Amino acid sequence: MKEIFAATCYLTLMIRRIRNQGLIGIFVRFLFVNTHEEKPIIDYLIKRMSAETELRLATLNLFYALVELNCEDVMLVLAMRHLLPCTHVMLSQRGDILQVKSEINIFSSGIID
């Protein structure tokens, strides 16, 4: 577990220290697009939130560093993909939202590519 904790801390440090936007884009694409055992790497990071305290804090720190990038891709993957299914909206209001949702899906499909 200490190796995973150290790797997470180093990844957070790299994301915070790198100033080249192209290289930051490569890191973000790596986390959100690449897979391990057919699951995106970001899903493994999200699952770490139920791990022991040190690893959970290191992962939260990594998410904080990603959010600080002010990147649309980060917000789309971390927040919007959980809101787009509209399970938090009353059934009577979902019809109005589904029109907007289809427009968002068309727009967001090309962001990470």
PDB file of N, CA and C in Angstrom:
ATOM      1  N   MET A   1       0.805  -1.199   0.000  1.00  0.00           N
ATOM      2  CA  MET A   1       0.000   0.000   0.000  1.00  0.00           C
ATOM      3  C   MET A   1       0.853   1.269   0.000  1.00  0.00           C
ATOM      4  N   LYS A   2       2.002   1.210   0.622  1.00  0.00           N
ATOM      5  CA  LYS A   2       2.850   2.392   0.676  1.00  0.00           C
ATOM      6  C   LYS A   2       3.365   2.786  -0.706  1.00  0.00           C
ATOM      7  N   GLU A   3       3.564   1.786  -1.577  1.00  0.00           N
ATOM      8  CA  GLU A   3       4.009   2.088  -2.929  1.00  0.00           C
ATOM      9  C   GLU A   3       2.923   2.828  -3.705  1.00  0.00           C
ATOM     10  N   ILE A   4       1.675   2.412  -3.536  1.00  0.00           N
ATOM     11  CA  ILE A   4       0.558   3.078  -4.207  1.00  0.00           C
ATOM     12  C   ILE A   4       0.400   4.496  -3.669  1.00  0.00           C
ATOM     13  N   PHE A   5       0.557   4.637  -2.360  1.00  0.00           N
ATOM     14  CA  PHE A   5       0.476   5.962  -1.738  1.00  0.00           C
ATOM     15  C   PHE A   5       1.566   6.882  -2.297  1.00  0.00           C
ATOM     16  N   ALA A   6       2.788   6.373  -2.389  1.00  0.00           N
ATOM     17  CA  ALA A   6       3.903   7.176  -2.906  1.00  0.00           C
ATOM     18  C   ALA A   6       3.686   7.538  -4.377  1.00  0.00           C
ATOM     19  N   ALA A   7       3.220   6.583  -5.171  1.00  0.00           N
ATOM     20  CA  ALA A   7       2.977   6.856  -6.589  1.00  0.00           C
ATOM     21  C   ALA A   7       1.893   7.916  -6.768  1.00  0.00           C
ATOM     22  N   THR A   8       0.866   7.864  -5.936  1.00  0.00           N
ATOM     23  CA  THR A   8      -0.207   8.859  -6.007  1.00  0.00           C
ATOM     24  C   THR A   8       0.317  10.243  -5.633  1.00  0.00           C
ATOM     25  N   CYS A   9       1.143  10.305  -4.608  1.00  0.00           N
ATOM     26  CA  CYS A   9       1.727  11.589  -4.207  1.00  0.00           C
ATOM     27  C   CYS A   9       2.631  12.155  -5.297  1.00  0.00           C
ATOM     28  N   TYR A  10       3.418  11.301  -5.937  1.00  0.00           N
ATOM     29  CA  TYR A  10       4.286  11.774  -7.020  1.00  0.00           C
ATOM     30  C   TYR A  10       3.473  12.243  -8.225  1.00  0.00           C
ATOM     31  N   LEU A  11       2.400  11.541  -8.536  1.00  0.00           N
ATOM     32  CA  LEU A  11       1.542  11.959  -9.644  1.00  0.00           C
ATOM     33  C   LEU A  11       0.912  13.320  -9.346  1.00  0.00           C
ATOM     34  N   THR A  12       0.465  13.510  -8.123  1.00  0.00           N
ATOM     35  CA  THR A  12      -0.097  14.803  -7.721  1.00  0.00           C
ATOM     36  C   THR A  12       0.951  15.898  -7.840  1.00  0.00           C
ATOM     37  N   LEU A  13       2.145  15.625  -7.384  1.00  0.00           N
ATOM     38  CA  LEU A  13       3.229  16.597  -7.472  1.00  0.00           C
ATOM     39  C   LEU A  13       3.545  16.946  -8.922  1.00  0.00           C
ATOM     40  N   MET A  14       3.581  15.940  -9.795  1.00  0.00           N
ATOM     41  CA  MET A  14       3.857  16.207 -11.209  1.00  0.00           C
ATOM     42  C   MET A  14       2.770  17.080 -11.825  1.00  0.00           C
ATOM     43  N   ILE A  15       1.512  16.786 -11.523  1.00  0.00           N
ATOM     44  CA  ILE A  15       0.416  17.571 -12.095  1.00  0.00           C
ATOM     45  C   ILE A  15       0.495  19.018 -11.618  1.00  0.00           C
ATOM     46  N   ARG A  16       0.882  19.229 -10.374  1.00  0.00           N
ATOM     47  CA  ARG A  16       0.961  20.594  -9.847  1.00  0.00           C
ATOM     48  C   ARG A  16       2.182  21.356 -10.350  1.00  0.00           C
ATOM     49  N   ARG A  17       3.273  20.678 -10.647  1.00  0.00           N
ATOM     50  CA  ARG A  17       4.519  21.359 -11.020  1.00  0.00           C
ATOM     51  C   ARG A  17       4.681  21.586 -12.517  1.00  0.00           C
ATOM     52  N   ILE A  18       4.072  20.769 -13.338  1.00  0.00           N
ATOM     53  CA  ILE A  18       4.238  20.884 -14.784  1.00  0.00           C
ATOM     54  C   ILE A  18       3.490  22.110 -15.291  1.00  0.00           C
ATOM     55  N   ARG A  19       4.169  22.923 -16.059  1.00  0.00           N
ATOM     56  CA  ARG A  19       3.575  24.150 -16.600  1.00  0.00           C
ATOM     57  C   ARG A  19       3.237  24.036 -18.092  1.00  0.00           C
ATOM     58  N   ASN A  20       3.754  23.033 -18.760  1.00  0.00           N
ATOM     59  CA  ASN A  20       3.503  22.831 -20.182  1.00  0.00           C
ATOM     60  C   ASN A  20       2.095  22.242 -20.358  1.00  0.00           C
ATOM     61  N   GLN A  21       1.220  22.988 -21.020  1.00  0.00           N
ATOM     62  CA  GLN A  21      -0.173  22.558 -21.178  1.00  0.00           C
ATOM     63  C   GLN A  21      -0.290  21.251 -21.963  1.00  0.00           C
ATOM     64  N   GLY A  22       0.588  21.039 -22.925  1.00  0.00           N
ATOM     65  CA  GLY A  22       0.557  19.803 -23.695  1.00  0.00           C
ATOM     66  C   GLY A  22       0.840  18.585 -22.836  1.00  0.00           C
ATOM     67  N   LEU A  23       1.800  18.713 -21.945  1.00  0.00           N
ATOM     68  CA  LEU A  23       2.150  17.601 -21.060  1.00  0.00           C
ATOM     69  C   LEU A  23       1.052  17.345 -20.030  1.00  0.00           C
ATOM     70  N   ILE A  24       0.436  18.394 -19.544  1.00  0.00           N
ATOM     71  CA  ILE A  24      -0.687  18.218 -18.619  1.00  0.00           C
ATOM     72  C   ILE A  24      -1.837  17.516 -19.334  1.00  0.00           C
ATOM     73  N   GLY A  25      -2.065  17.883 -20.589  1.00  0.00           N
ATOM     74  CA  GLY A  25      -3.103  17.217 -21.377  1.00  0.00           C
ATOM     75  C   GLY A  25      -2.835  15.729 -21.540  1.00  0.00           C
ATOM     76  N   ILE A  26      -1.564  15.368 -21.694  1.00  0.00           N
ATOM     77  CA  ILE A  26      -1.201  13.950 -21.805  1.00  0.00           C
ATOM     78  C   ILE A  26      -1.513  13.218 -20.505  1.00  0.00           C
ATOM     79  N   PHE A  27      -1.194  13.833 -19.364  1.00  0.00           N
ATOM     80  CA  PHE A  27      -1.504  13.219 -18.072  1.00  0.00           C
ATOM     81  C   PHE A  27      -3.008  13.044 -17.889  1.00  0.00           C
ATOM     82  N   VAL A  28      -3.769  14.070 -18.213  1.00  0.00           N
ATOM     83  CA  VAL A  28      -5.226  13.993 -18.066  1.00  0.00           C
ATOM     84  C   VAL A  28      -5.795  12.918 -18.978  1.00  0.00           C
ATOM     85  N   ARG A  29      -5.345  12.884 -20.217  1.00  0.00           N
ATOM     86  CA  ARG A  29      -5.810  11.862 -21.159  1.00  0.00           C
ATOM     87  C   ARG A  29      -5.429  10.465 -20.666  1.00  0.00           C
ATOM     88  N   PHE A  30      -4.240  10.323 -20.103  1.00  0.00           N
ATOM     89  CA  PHE A  30      -3.815   9.031 -19.563  1.00  0.00           C
ATOM     90  C   PHE A  30      -4.767   8.568 -18.463  1.00  0.00           C
ATOM     91  N   LEU A  31      -5.117   9.461 -17.551  1.00  0.00           N
ATOM     92  CA  LEU A  31      -5.984   9.076 -16.435  1.00  0.00           C
ATOM     93  C   LEU A  31      -7.405   8.760 -16.875  1.00  0.00           C
ATOM     94  N   PHE A  32      -7.915   9.488 -17.872  1.00  0.00           N
ATOM     95  CA  PHE A  32      -9.321   9.365 -18.221  1.00  0.00           C
ATOM     96  C   PHE A  32      -9.604   8.419 -19.373  1.00  0.00           C
ATOM     97  N   VAL A  33      -8.624   8.175 -20.242  1.00  0.00           N
ATOM     98  CA  VAL A  33      -8.870   7.375 -21.436  1.00  0.00           C
ATOM     99  C   VAL A  33      -8.238   5.988 -21.333  1.00  0.00           C
ATOM    100  N   ASN A  34      -7.007   5.906 -20.848  1.00  0.00           N
ATOM    101  CA  ASN A  34      -6.326   4.608 -20.773  1.00  0.00           C
ATOM    102  C   ASN A  34      -7.016   3.694 -19.779  1.00  0.00           C
ATOM    103  N   THR A  35      -6.916   2.403 -20.041  1.00  0.00           N
ATOM    104  CA  THR A  35      -7.593   1.413 -19.206  1.00  0.00           C
ATOM    105  C   THR A  35      -6.609   0.411 -18.632  1.00  0.00           C
ATOM    106  N   HIS A  36      -7.038  -0.204 -17.564  1.00  0.00           N
ATOM    107  CA  HIS A  36      -6.329  -1.328 -16.948  1.00  0.00           C
ATOM    108  C   HIS A  36      -7.390  -2.382 -16.674  1.00  0.00           C
ATOM    109  N   GLU A  37      -7.217  -3.561 -17.251  1.00  0.00           N
ATOM    110  CA  GLU A  37      -8.207  -4.628 -17.142  1.00  0.00           C
ATOM    111  C   GLU A  37      -9.577  -4.136 -17.597  1.00  0.00           C
ATOM    112  N   GLU A  38      -9.586  -3.392 -18.702  1.00  0.00           N
ATOM    113  CA  GLU A  38     -10.778  -2.895 -19.372  1.00  0.00           C
ATOM    114  C   GLU A  38     -11.612  -1.919 -18.539  1.00  0.00           C
ATOM    115  N   LYS A  39     -10.993  -1.252 -17.575  1.00  0.00           N
ATOM    116  CA  LYS A  39     -11.657  -0.198 -16.809  1.00  0.00           C
ATOM    117  C   LYS A  39     -10.770   1.038 -16.857  1.00  0.00           C
ATOM    118  N   PRO A  40     -11.365   2.222 -17.010  1.00  0.00           N
ATOM    119  CA  PRO A  40     -10.542   3.441 -17.010  1.00  0.00           C
ATOM    120  C   PRO A  40      -9.783   3.606 -15.697  1.00  0.00           C
ATOM    121  N   ILE A  41      -8.596   4.160 -15.790  1.00  0.00           N
ATOM    122  CA  ILE A  41      -7.754   4.343 -14.608  1.00  0.00           C
ATOM    123  C   ILE A  41      -8.438   5.234 -13.581  1.00  0.00           C
ATOM    124  N   ILE A  42      -9.207   6.219 -14.039  1.00  0.00           N
ATOM    125  CA  ILE A  42      -9.880   7.116 -13.111  1.00  0.00           C
ATOM    126  C   ILE A  42     -10.878   6.362 -12.241  1.00  0.00           C
ATOM    127  N   ASP A  43     -11.466   5.285 -12.751  1.00  0.00           N
ATOM    128  CA  ASP A  43     -12.394   4.496 -11.939  1.00  0.00           C
ATOM    129  C   ASP A  43     -11.674   3.820 -10.772  1.00  0.00           C
ATOM    130  N   TYR A  44     -10.444   3.383 -11.001  1.00  0.00           N
ATOM    131  CA  TYR A  44      -9.664   2.808  -9.908  1.00  0.00           C
ATOM    132  C   TYR A  44      -9.344   3.861  -8.852  1.00  0.00           C
ATOM    133  N   LEU A  45      -9.058   5.067  -9.319  1.00  0.00           N
ATOM    134  CA  LEU A  45      -8.777   6.151  -8.367  1.00  0.00           C
ATOM    135  C   LEU A  45     -10.016   6.490  -7.540  1.00  0.00           C
ATOM    136  N   ILE A  46     -11.170   6.466  -8.166  1.00  0.00           N
ATOM    137  CA  ILE A  46     -12.406   6.739  -7.434  1.00  0.00           C
ATOM    138  C   ILE A  46     -12.676   5.642  -6.411  1.00  0.00           C
ATOM    139  N   LYS A  47     -12.390   4.395  -6.761  1.00  0.00           N
ATOM    140  CA  LYS A  47     -12.580   3.291  -5.814  1.00  0.00           C
ATOM    141  C   LYS A  47     -11.659   3.416  -4.596  1.00  0.00           C
ATOM    142  N   ARG A  48     -10.540   4.090  -4.757  1.00  0.00           N
ATOM    143  CA  ARG A  48      -9.607   4.267  -3.637  1.00  0.00           C
ATOM    144  C   ARG A  48     -10.196   5.104  -2.507  1.00  0.00           C
ATOM    145  N   MET A  49     -11.286   5.775  -2.765  1.00  0.00           N
ATOM    146  CA  MET A  49     -11.887   6.618  -1.738  1.00  0.00           C
ATOM    147  C   MET A  49     -12.390   5.786  -0.558  1.00  0.00           C
ATOM    148  N   SER A  50     -12.502   4.484  -0.737  1.00  0.00           N
ATOM    149  CA  SER A  50     -12.909   3.620   0.369  1.00  0.00           C
ATOM    150  C   SER A  50     -11.708   2.917   1.005  1.00  0.00           C
ATOM    151  N   ALA A  51     -10.514   3.307   0.647  1.00  0.00           N
ATOM    152  CA  ALA A  51      -9.295   2.683   1.168  1.00  0.00           C
ATOM    153  C   ALA A  51      -8.926   3.275   2.531  1.00  0.00           C
ATOM    154  N   GLU A  52      -7.772   2.892   3.007  1.00  0.00           N
ATOM    155  CA  GLU A  52      -7.313   3.396   4.302  1.00  0.00           C
ATOM    156  C   GLU A  52      -7.086   4.911   4.245  1.00  0.00           C
ATOM    157  N   THR A  53      -6.961   5.520   5.392  1.00  0.00           N
ATOM    158  CA  THR A  53      -6.961   6.980   5.508  1.00  0.00           C
ATOM    159  C   THR A  53      -5.872   7.654   4.688  1.00  0.00           C
ATOM    160  N   GLU A  54      -4.634   7.193   4.762  1.00  0.00           N
ATOM    161  CA  GLU A  54      -3.542   7.855   4.043  1.00  0.00           C
ATOM    162  C   GLU A  54      -3.758   7.818   2.532  1.00  0.00           C
ATOM    163  N   LEU A  55      -4.140   6.668   2.014  1.00  0.00           N
ATOM    164  CA  LEU A  55      -4.358   6.535   0.578  1.00  0.00           C
ATOM    165  C   LEU A  55      -5.560   7.365   0.143  1.00  0.00           C
ATOM    166  N   ARG A  56      -6.584   7.402   0.959  1.00  0.00           N
ATOM    167  CA  ARG A  56      -7.766   8.213   0.648  1.00  0.00           C
ATOM    168  C   ARG A  56      -7.397   9.687   0.573  1.00  0.00           C
ATOM    169  N   LEU A  57      -6.606  10.150   1.516  1.00  0.00           N
ATOM    170  CA  LEU A  57      -6.190  11.555   1.514  1.00  0.00           C
ATOM    171  C   LEU A  57      -5.300  11.884   0.320  1.00  0.00           C
ATOM    172  N   ALA A  58      -4.413  10.972  -0.028  1.00  0.00           N
ATOM    173  CA  ALA A  58      -3.554  11.192  -1.194  1.00  0.00           C
ATOM    174  C   ALA A  58      -4.389  11.247  -2.472  1.00  0.00           C
ATOM    175  N   THR A  59      -5.398  10.398  -2.569  1.00  0.00           N
ATOM    176  CA  THR A  59      -6.263  10.398  -3.750  1.00  0.00           C
ATOM    177  C   THR A  59      -7.109  11.663  -3.800  1.00  0.00           C
ATOM    178  N   LEU A  60      -7.626  12.105  -2.662  1.00  0.00           N
ATOM    179  CA  LEU A  60      -8.362  13.372  -2.613  1.00  0.00           C
ATOM    180  C   LEU A  60      -7.475  14.533  -3.035  1.00  0.00           C
ATOM    181  N   ASN A  61      -6.232  14.507  -2.611  1.00  0.00           N
ATOM    182  CA  ASN A  61      -5.272  15.539  -2.991  1.00  0.00           C
ATOM    183  C   ASN A  61      -5.041  15.520  -4.508  1.00  0.00           C
ATOM    184  N   LEU A  62      -4.989  14.335  -5.094  1.00  0.00           N
ATOM    185  CA  LEU A  62      -4.851  14.204  -6.545  1.00  0.00           C
ATOM    186  C   LEU A  62      -6.074  14.782  -7.258  1.00  0.00           C
ATOM    187  N   PHE A  63      -7.264  14.459  -6.774  1.00  0.00           N
ATOM    188  CA  PHE A  63      -8.487  15.014  -7.373  1.00  0.00           C
ATOM    189  C   PHE A  63      -8.512  16.530  -7.244  1.00  0.00           C
ATOM    190  N   TYR A  64      -8.065  17.040  -6.118  1.00  0.00           N
ATOM    191  CA  TYR A  64      -8.020  18.490  -5.916  1.00  0.00           C
ATOM    192  C   TYR A  64      -7.076  19.145  -6.928  1.00  0.00           C
ATOM    193  N   ALA A  65      -5.924  18.502  -7.150  1.00  0.00           N
ATOM    194  CA  ALA A  65      -4.970  19.028  -8.135  1.00  0.00           C
ATOM    195  C   ALA A  65      -5.571  18.986  -9.537  1.00  0.00           C
ATOM    196  N   LEU A  66      -6.340  17.945  -9.844  1.00  0.00           N
ATOM    197  CA  LEU A  66      -6.974  17.862 -11.161  1.00  0.00           C
ATOM    198  C   LEU A  66      -8.039  18.943 -11.333  1.00  0.00           C
ATOM    199  N   VAL A  67      -8.817  19.175 -10.295  1.00  0.00           N
ATOM    200  CA  VAL A  67      -9.860  20.201 -10.373  1.00  0.00           C
ATOM    201  C   VAL A  67      -9.233  21.585 -10.499  1.00  0.00           C
ATOM    202  N   GLU A  68      -8.092  21.804  -9.851  1.00  0.00           N
ATOM    203  CA  GLU A  68      -7.410  23.098  -9.931  1.00  0.00           C
ATOM    204  C   GLU A  68      -6.913  23.419 -11.346  1.00  0.00           C
ATOM    205  N   LEU A  69      -6.850  22.428 -12.214  1.00  0.00           N
ATOM    206  CA  LEU A  69      -6.419  22.668 -13.588  1.00  0.00           C
ATOM    207  C   LEU A  69      -7.431  23.496 -14.371  1.00  0.00           C
ATOM    208  N   ASN A  70      -8.664  23.570 -13.874  1.00  0.00           N
ATOM    209  CA  ASN A  70      -9.749  24.282 -14.559  1.00  0.00           C
ATOM    210  C   ASN A  70      -9.904  23.786 -15.998  1.00  0.00           C
ATOM    211  N   CYS A  71      -9.969  22.494 -16.151  1.00  0.00           N
ATOM    212  CA  CYS A  71     -10.039  21.842 -17.455  1.00  0.00           C
ATOM    213  C   CYS A  71     -11.439  21.249 -17.658  1.00  0.00           C
ATOM    214  N   GLU A  72     -12.013  21.487 -18.837  1.00  0.00           N
ATOM    215  CA  GLU A  72     -13.343  20.962 -19.132  1.00  0.00           C
ATOM    216  C   GLU A  72     -13.384  19.446 -19.068  1.00  0.00           C
ATOM    217  N   ASP A  73     -12.331  18.794 -19.554  1.00  0.00           N
ATOM    218  CA  ASP A  73     -12.304  17.335 -19.550  1.00  0.00           C
ATOM    219  C   ASP A  73     -12.397  16.780 -18.139  1.00  0.00           C
ATOM    220  N   VAL A  74     -11.697  17.406 -17.213  1.00  0.00           N
ATOM    221  CA  VAL A  74     -11.711  16.950 -15.819  1.00  0.00           C
ATOM    222  C   VAL A  74     -13.119  17.084 -15.245  1.00  0.00           C
ATOM    223  N   MET A  75     -13.751  18.222 -15.456  1.00  0.00           N
ATOM    224  CA  MET A  75     -15.098  18.434 -14.932  1.00  0.00           C
ATOM    225  C   MET A  75     -16.098  17.489 -15.585  1.00  0.00           C
ATOM    226  N   LEU A  76     -15.926  17.237 -16.872  1.00  0.00           N
ATOM    227  CA  LEU A  76     -16.826  16.335 -17.579  1.00  0.00           C
ATOM    228  C   LEU A  76     -16.755  14.933 -16.996  1.00  0.00           C
ATOM    229  N   VAL A  77     -15.547  14.447 -16.760  1.00  0.00           N
ATOM    230  CA  VAL A  77     -15.384  13.079 -16.279  1.00  0.00           C
ATOM    231  C   VAL A  77     -15.709  12.956 -14.791  1.00  0.00           C
ATOM    232  N   LEU A  78     -15.243  13.900 -13.976  1.00  0.00           N
ATOM    233  CA  LEU A  78     -15.438  13.761 -12.533  1.00  0.00           C
ATOM    234  C   LEU A  78     -16.834  14.145 -12.064  1.00  0.00           C
ATOM    235  N   ALA A  79     -17.465  15.098 -12.707  1.00  0.00           N
ATOM    236  CA  ALA A  79     -18.755  15.571 -12.200  1.00  0.00           C
ATOM    237  C   ALA A  79     -19.902  15.321 -13.175  1.00  0.00           C
ATOM    238  N   MET A  80     -19.746  15.765 -14.396  1.00  0.00           N
ATOM    239  CA  MET A  80     -20.876  15.762 -15.317  1.00  0.00           C
ATOM    240  C   MET A  80     -21.328  14.358 -15.717  1.00  0.00           C
ATOM    241  N   ARG A  81     -20.438  13.398 -15.808  1.00  0.00           N
ATOM    242  CA  ARG A  81     -20.885  12.067 -16.224  1.00  0.00           C
ATOM    243  C   ARG A  81     -21.798  11.431 -15.191  1.00  0.00           C
ATOM    244  N   HIS A  82     -21.722  11.886 -13.939  1.00  0.00           N
ATOM    245  CA  HIS A  82     -22.612  11.376 -12.904  1.00  0.00           C
ATOM    246  C   HIS A  82     -23.937  12.132 -12.887  1.00  0.00           C
ATOM    247  N   LEU A  83     -23.945  13.345 -13.422  1.00  0.00           N
ATOM    248  CA  LEU A  83     -25.170  14.145 -13.463  1.00  0.00           C
ATOM    249  C   LEU A  83     -25.975  13.921 -14.736  1.00  0.00           C
ATOM    250  N   LEU A  84     -25.317  13.546 -15.834  1.00  0.00           N
ATOM    251  CA  LEU A  84     -25.997  13.409 -17.117  1.00  0.00           C
ATOM    252  C   LEU A  84     -27.086  12.332 -17.153  1.00  0.00           C
ATOM    253  N   PRO A  85     -26.996  11.237 -16.405  1.00  0.00           N
ATOM    254  CA  PRO A  85     -28.108  10.277 -16.424  1.00  0.00           C
ATOM    255  C   PRO A  85     -29.406  10.843 -15.831  1.00  0.00           C
ATOM    256  N   CYS A  86     -29.332  11.968 -15.127  1.00  0.00           N
ATOM    257  CA  CYS A  86     -30.495  12.675 -14.567  1.00  0.00           C
ATOM    258  C   CYS A  86     -31.279  11.845 -13.560  1.00  0.00           C
ATOM    259  N   THR A  87     -30.633  10.957 -12.853  1.00  0.00           N
ATOM    260  CA  THR A  87     -31.327  10.170 -11.837  1.00  0.00           C
ATOM    261  C   THR A  87     -31.663  11.014 -10.611  1.00  0.00           C
ATOM    262  N   HIS A  88     -31.078  12.181 -10.497  1.00  0.00           N
ATOM    263  CA  HIS A  88     -31.341  13.067  -9.368  1.00  0.00           C
ATOM    264  C   HIS A  88     -32.501  14.018  -9.630  1.00  0.00           C
ATOM    265  N   VAL A  89     -33.085  13.961 -10.837  1.00  0.00           N
ATOM    266  CA  VAL A  89     -34.167  14.866 -11.235  1.00  0.00           C
ATOM    267  C   VAL A  89     -35.496  14.115 -11.161  1.00  0.00           C
ATOM    268  N   MET A  90     -36.556  14.832 -10.795  1.00  0.00           N
ATOM    269  CA  MET A  90     -37.887  14.214 -10.739  1.00  0.00           C
ATOM    270  C   MET A  90     -38.293  13.738 -12.129  1.00  0.00           C
ATOM    271  N   LEU A  91     -39.045  12.654 -12.174  1.00  0.00           N
ATOM    272  CA  LEU A  91     -39.457  12.078 -13.455  1.00  0.00           C
ATOM    273  C   LEU A  91     -40.239  13.068 -14.305  1.00  0.00           C
ATOM    274  N   SER A  92     -41.038  13.907 -13.688  1.00  0.00           N
ATOM    275  CA  SER A  92     -41.849  14.858 -14.446  1.00  0.00           C
ATOM    276  C   SER A  92     -41.007  15.924 -15.144  1.00  0.00           C
ATOM    277  N   GLN A  93     -39.785  16.140 -14.692  1.00  0.00           N
ATOM    278  CA  GLN A  93     -38.934  17.176 -15.277  1.00  0.00           C
ATOM    279  C   GLN A  93     -37.844  16.629 -16.185  1.00  0.00           C
ATOM    280  N   ARG A  94     -37.710  15.321 -16.258  1.00  0.00           N
ATOM    281  CA  ARG A  94     -36.649  14.730 -17.081  1.00  0.00           C
ATOM    282  C   ARG A  94     -36.833  14.993 -18.561  1.00  0.00           C
ATOM    283  N   GLY A  95     -38.070  15.087 -19.035  1.00  0.00           N
ATOM    284  CA  GLY A  95     -38.315  15.318 -20.457  1.00  0.00           C
ATOM    285  C   GLY A  95     -37.699  16.612 -20.943  1.00  0.00           C
ATOM    286  N   ASP A  96     -37.791  17.662 -20.123  1.00  0.00           N
ATOM    287  CA  ASP A  96     -37.200  18.948 -20.502  1.00  0.00           C
ATOM    288  C   ASP A  96     -35.682  18.866 -20.558  1.00  0.00           C
ATOM    289  N   ILE A  97     -35.113  18.101 -19.680  1.00  0.00           N
ATOM    290  CA  ILE A  97     -33.661  18.018 -19.584  1.00  0.00           C
ATOM    291  C   ILE A  97     -33.089  17.124 -20.678  1.00  0.00           C
ATOM    292  N   LEU A  98     -33.825  16.119 -21.094  1.00  0.00           N
ATOM    293  CA  LEU A  98     -33.296  15.189 -22.088  1.00  0.00           C
ATOM    294  C   LEU A  98     -32.991  15.871 -23.412  1.00  0.00           C
ATOM    295  N   GLN A  99     -33.726  16.917 -23.774  1.00  0.00           N
ATOM    296  CA  GLN A  99     -33.401  17.659 -24.998  1.00  0.00           C
ATOM    297  C   GLN A  99     -32.023  18.293 -24.884  1.00  0.00           C
ATOM    298  N   VAL A 100     -31.760  18.937 -23.779  1.00  0.00           N
ATOM    299  CA  VAL A 100     -30.470  19.575 -23.549  1.00  0.00           C
ATOM    300  C   VAL A 100     -29.385  18.518 -23.441  1.00  0.00           C
ATOM    301  N   LYS A 101     -29.710  17.385 -22.837  1.00  0.00           N
ATOM    302  CA  LYS A 101     -28.736  16.316 -22.649  1.00  0.00           C
ATOM    303  C   LYS A 101     -28.208  15.808 -23.986  1.00  0.00           C
ATOM    304  N   SER A 102     -29.069  15.656 -24.980  1.00  0.00           N
ATOM    305  CA  SER A 102     -28.603  15.171 -26.283  1.00  0.00           C
ATOM    306  C   SER A 102     -27.652  16.176 -26.925  1.00  0.00           C
ATOM    307  N   GLU A 103     -27.903  17.466 -26.739  1.00  0.00           N
ATOM    308  CA  GLU A 103     -26.991  18.484 -27.268  1.00  0.00           C
ATOM    309  C   GLU A 103     -25.650  18.437 -26.542  1.00  0.00           C
ATOM    310  N   ILE A 104     -25.658  18.203 -25.239  1.00  0.00           N
ATOM    311  CA  ILE A 104     -24.425  18.116 -24.460  1.00  0.00           C
ATOM    312  C   ILE A 104     -23.620  16.898 -24.898  1.00  0.00           C
ATOM    313  N   ASN A 105     -24.275  15.764 -25.121  1.00  0.00           N
ATOM    314  CA  ASN A 105     -23.562  14.556 -25.543  1.00  0.00           C
ATOM    315  C   ASN A 105     -22.867  14.759 -26.883  1.00  0.00           C
ATOM    316  N   ILE A 106     -23.516  15.461 -27.796  1.00  0.00           N
ATOM    317  CA  ILE A 106     -22.894  15.730 -29.091  1.00  0.00           C
ATOM    318  C   ILE A 106     -21.648  16.595 -28.898  1.00  0.00           C
ATOM    319  N   PHE A 107     -21.743  17.596 -28.029  1.00  0.00           N
ATOM    320  CA  PHE A 107     -20.619  18.493 -27.774  1.00  0.00           C
ATOM    321  C   PHE A 107     -19.490  17.768 -27.031  1.00  0.00           C
ATOM    322  N   SER A 108     -19.842  17.025 -25.994  1.00  0.00           N
ATOM    323  CA  SER A 108     -18.817  16.431 -25.140  1.00  0.00           C
ATOM    324  C   SER A 108     -18.146  15.217 -25.751  1.00  0.00           C
ATOM    325  N   SER A 109     -18.708  14.629 -26.784  1.00  0.00           N
ATOM    326  CA  SER A 109     -18.107  13.439 -27.368  1.00  0.00           C
ATOM    327  C   SER A 109     -16.736  13.720 -27.980  1.00  0.00           C
ATOM    328  N   GLY A 110     -16.453  14.949 -28.354  1.00  0.00           N
ATOM    329  CA  GLY A 110     -15.187  15.257 -28.992  1.00  0.00           C
ATOM    330  C   GLY A 110     -14.184  15.958 -28.114  1.00  0.00           C
ATOM    331  N   ILE A 111     -14.479  16.133 -26.831  1.00  0.00           N
ATOM    332  CA  ILE A 111     -13.593  16.907 -25.971  1.00  0.00           C
ATOM    333  C   ILE A 111     -12.292  16.170 -25.681  1.00  0.00           C
ATOM    334  N   ILE A 112     -12.368  14.931 -25.256  1.00  0.00           N
ATOM    335  CA  ILE A 112     -11.155  14.223 -24.831  1.00  0.00           C
ATOM    336  C   ILE A 112     -10.377  13.693 -26.022  1.00  0.00           C
ATOM    337  N   ASP A 113     -11.009  13.480 -27.137  1.00  0.00           N
ATOM    338  CA  ASP A 113     -10.311  12.905 -28.307  1.00  0.00           C
ATOM    339  C   ASP A 113      -9.157  13.719 -28.760  1.00  0.00           C
TER     340      ASP A 113
END
